[in-house]
N, C-alpha and C. Protein backbone atom coordinates (compact mmCIF):
# COMPACT_ATOMS: atom_id res chain seq x y z
N MET A 1 -43.23 19.15 -3.83
CA MET A 1 -43.66 19.98 -4.94
C MET A 1 -44.96 19.45 -5.55
N LYS A 2 -45.02 18.11 -5.65
CA LYS A 2 -46.22 17.50 -6.25
C LYS A 2 -47.46 17.71 -5.37
N LYS A 3 -47.22 17.72 -4.06
CA LYS A 3 -48.36 17.95 -3.14
C LYS A 3 -48.94 19.35 -3.31
N ASP A 4 -48.09 20.36 -3.53
CA ASP A 4 -48.56 21.71 -3.76
C ASP A 4 -49.44 21.79 -4.96
N LYS A 5 -49.05 21.11 -6.05
CA LYS A 5 -49.83 21.11 -7.29
C LYS A 5 -51.17 20.43 -7.02
N GLN A 6 -51.17 19.39 -6.20
CA GLN A 6 -52.40 18.71 -5.90
C GLN A 6 -53.36 19.64 -5.15
N ILE A 7 -52.80 20.37 -4.16
CA ILE A 7 -53.63 21.28 -3.38
C ILE A 7 -54.19 22.40 -4.28
N PHE A 8 -53.35 22.95 -5.16
CA PHE A 8 -53.83 23.98 -6.07
C PHE A 8 -54.90 23.43 -7.00
N GLY A 9 -54.73 22.23 -7.46
CA GLY A 9 -55.70 21.57 -8.35
C GLY A 9 -57.05 21.45 -7.65
N GLN A 10 -57.03 21.00 -6.37
CA GLN A 10 -58.24 20.87 -5.62
C GLN A 10 -58.90 22.24 -5.39
N ALA A 11 -58.10 23.25 -5.11
CA ALA A 11 -58.64 24.60 -4.91
C ALA A 11 -59.30 25.12 -6.14
N GLU A 12 -58.69 24.89 -7.31
CA GLU A 12 -59.27 25.33 -8.58
C GLU A 12 -60.57 24.62 -8.85
N ILE A 13 -60.64 23.34 -8.57
CA ILE A 13 -61.86 22.58 -8.77
C ILE A 13 -62.98 23.11 -7.86
N GLU A 14 -62.62 23.43 -6.60
CA GLU A 14 -63.60 24.00 -5.70
C GLU A 14 -64.14 25.33 -6.20
N LEU A 15 -63.25 26.18 -6.73
CA LEU A 15 -63.65 27.48 -7.28
C LEU A 15 -64.62 27.26 -8.48
N LEU A 16 -64.28 26.31 -9.32
CA LEU A 16 -65.14 26.03 -10.48
C LEU A 16 -66.51 25.52 -10.03
N LYS A 17 -66.52 24.64 -9.05
CA LYS A 17 -67.81 24.12 -8.55
C LYS A 17 -68.65 25.25 -7.98
N GLU A 18 -67.99 26.13 -7.21
CA GLU A 18 -68.70 27.25 -6.60
C GLU A 18 -69.24 28.20 -7.69
N GLY A 19 -68.43 28.38 -8.76
CA GLY A 19 -68.86 29.20 -9.84
C GLY A 19 -70.12 28.67 -10.54
N LEU A 20 -70.21 27.35 -10.64
CA LEU A 20 -71.35 26.75 -11.28
C LEU A 20 -72.64 26.94 -10.48
N LYS A 21 -72.50 27.10 -9.17
CA LYS A 21 -73.68 27.27 -8.31
C LYS A 21 -74.28 28.67 -8.47
N ARG A 22 -73.51 29.60 -9.00
CA ARG A 22 -73.99 30.97 -9.10
C ARG A 22 -75.04 31.12 -10.23
N SER A 23 -75.92 32.03 -10.05
CA SER A 23 -76.96 32.25 -11.05
C SER A 23 -76.38 33.01 -12.24
N TYR A 24 -77.12 33.03 -13.35
CA TYR A 24 -76.69 33.74 -14.53
C TYR A 24 -76.52 35.24 -14.24
N LYS A 25 -77.43 35.76 -13.40
CA LYS A 25 -77.38 37.20 -13.07
C LYS A 25 -76.06 37.50 -12.33
N GLU A 26 -75.70 36.65 -11.36
CA GLU A 26 -74.47 36.87 -10.63
C GLU A 26 -73.25 36.76 -11.54
N ARG A 27 -73.27 35.81 -12.43
CA ARG A 27 -72.15 35.65 -13.38
C ARG A 27 -72.04 36.87 -14.28
N PHE A 28 -73.21 37.36 -14.77
CA PHE A 28 -73.21 38.52 -15.64
C PHE A 28 -72.67 39.75 -14.91
N GLU A 29 -73.09 39.93 -13.65
CA GLU A 29 -72.66 41.11 -12.90
C GLU A 29 -71.12 41.05 -12.67
N MET A 30 -70.62 39.85 -12.38
CA MET A 30 -69.19 39.70 -12.13
C MET A 30 -68.41 39.98 -13.44
N ALA A 31 -68.89 39.43 -14.53
CA ALA A 31 -68.23 39.66 -15.85
C ALA A 31 -68.26 41.12 -16.20
N THR A 32 -69.38 41.78 -15.94
CA THR A 32 -69.49 43.23 -16.21
C THR A 32 -68.48 44.01 -15.40
N ARG A 33 -68.38 43.69 -14.11
CA ARG A 33 -67.42 44.33 -13.22
C ARG A 33 -66.02 44.15 -13.71
N LEU A 34 -65.65 42.94 -14.08
CA LEU A 34 -64.31 42.66 -14.59
C LEU A 34 -64.06 43.42 -15.89
N PHE A 35 -65.06 43.50 -16.77
CA PHE A 35 -64.93 44.20 -18.03
C PHE A 35 -64.70 45.69 -17.79
N LYS A 36 -65.44 46.27 -16.86
CA LYS A 36 -65.27 47.69 -16.53
C LYS A 36 -63.90 47.96 -15.97
N ILE A 37 -63.42 47.08 -15.12
CA ILE A 37 -62.06 47.24 -14.54
C ILE A 37 -61.04 47.18 -15.68
N HIS A 38 -61.23 46.20 -16.58
CA HIS A 38 -60.30 46.06 -17.72
C HIS A 38 -60.28 47.30 -18.58
N GLN A 39 -61.46 47.85 -18.88
CA GLN A 39 -61.57 49.04 -19.67
C GLN A 39 -60.79 50.19 -19.01
N THR A 40 -61.02 50.37 -17.71
CA THR A 40 -60.36 51.45 -16.95
C THR A 40 -58.85 51.26 -16.98
N MET A 41 -58.39 50.06 -16.73
CA MET A 41 -56.95 49.81 -16.63
C MET A 41 -56.30 49.97 -18.03
N SER A 42 -57.01 49.63 -19.08
CA SER A 42 -56.40 49.76 -20.40
C SER A 42 -56.23 51.23 -20.82
N LYS A 43 -57.08 52.12 -20.26
CA LYS A 43 -56.96 53.55 -20.56
C LYS A 43 -56.01 54.25 -19.62
N ALA A 44 -55.63 53.59 -18.54
CA ALA A 44 -54.78 54.24 -17.53
C ALA A 44 -53.36 54.46 -18.02
N THR A 45 -52.77 55.55 -17.59
CA THR A 45 -51.36 55.81 -17.90
C THR A 45 -50.67 56.10 -16.59
N ILE A 46 -49.41 55.71 -16.53
CA ILE A 46 -48.64 55.93 -15.29
C ILE A 46 -47.73 57.14 -15.53
N SER A 47 -47.89 58.11 -14.65
CA SER A 47 -47.05 59.28 -14.73
C SER A 47 -46.42 59.51 -13.36
N HIS A 48 -45.14 59.89 -13.38
CA HIS A 48 -44.40 60.09 -12.16
C HIS A 48 -44.12 61.59 -11.98
N LYS A 49 -44.55 62.08 -10.84
CA LYS A 49 -44.30 63.48 -10.52
C LYS A 49 -43.52 63.54 -9.21
N PRO A 50 -42.31 64.02 -9.20
CA PRO A 50 -41.53 64.07 -7.93
C PRO A 50 -42.21 65.01 -6.93
N PHE A 51 -42.08 64.72 -5.64
CA PHE A 51 -42.68 65.51 -4.58
C PHE A 51 -42.01 66.89 -4.52
N ILE A 52 -40.70 66.95 -4.69
CA ILE A 52 -39.97 68.19 -4.58
C ILE A 52 -39.66 68.74 -5.94
N SER A 53 -40.21 69.88 -6.30
CA SER A 53 -39.89 70.52 -7.58
C SER A 53 -38.88 71.62 -7.34
N LYS A 54 -37.84 71.60 -8.18
CA LYS A 54 -36.78 72.60 -8.03
C LYS A 54 -36.89 73.70 -9.03
């Protein structure tokens, strides 16, 4: 179990290092994309319509 946490820790550090290499423009575009997705998902509603209507 401890080894799994170690692997995940290393993977997170790699992602953070890679994130630091990105330019401000790339970071801004990614944040904007995530914000737009969040906005869309917050407005979404789930409705269920059965295929067969009687």
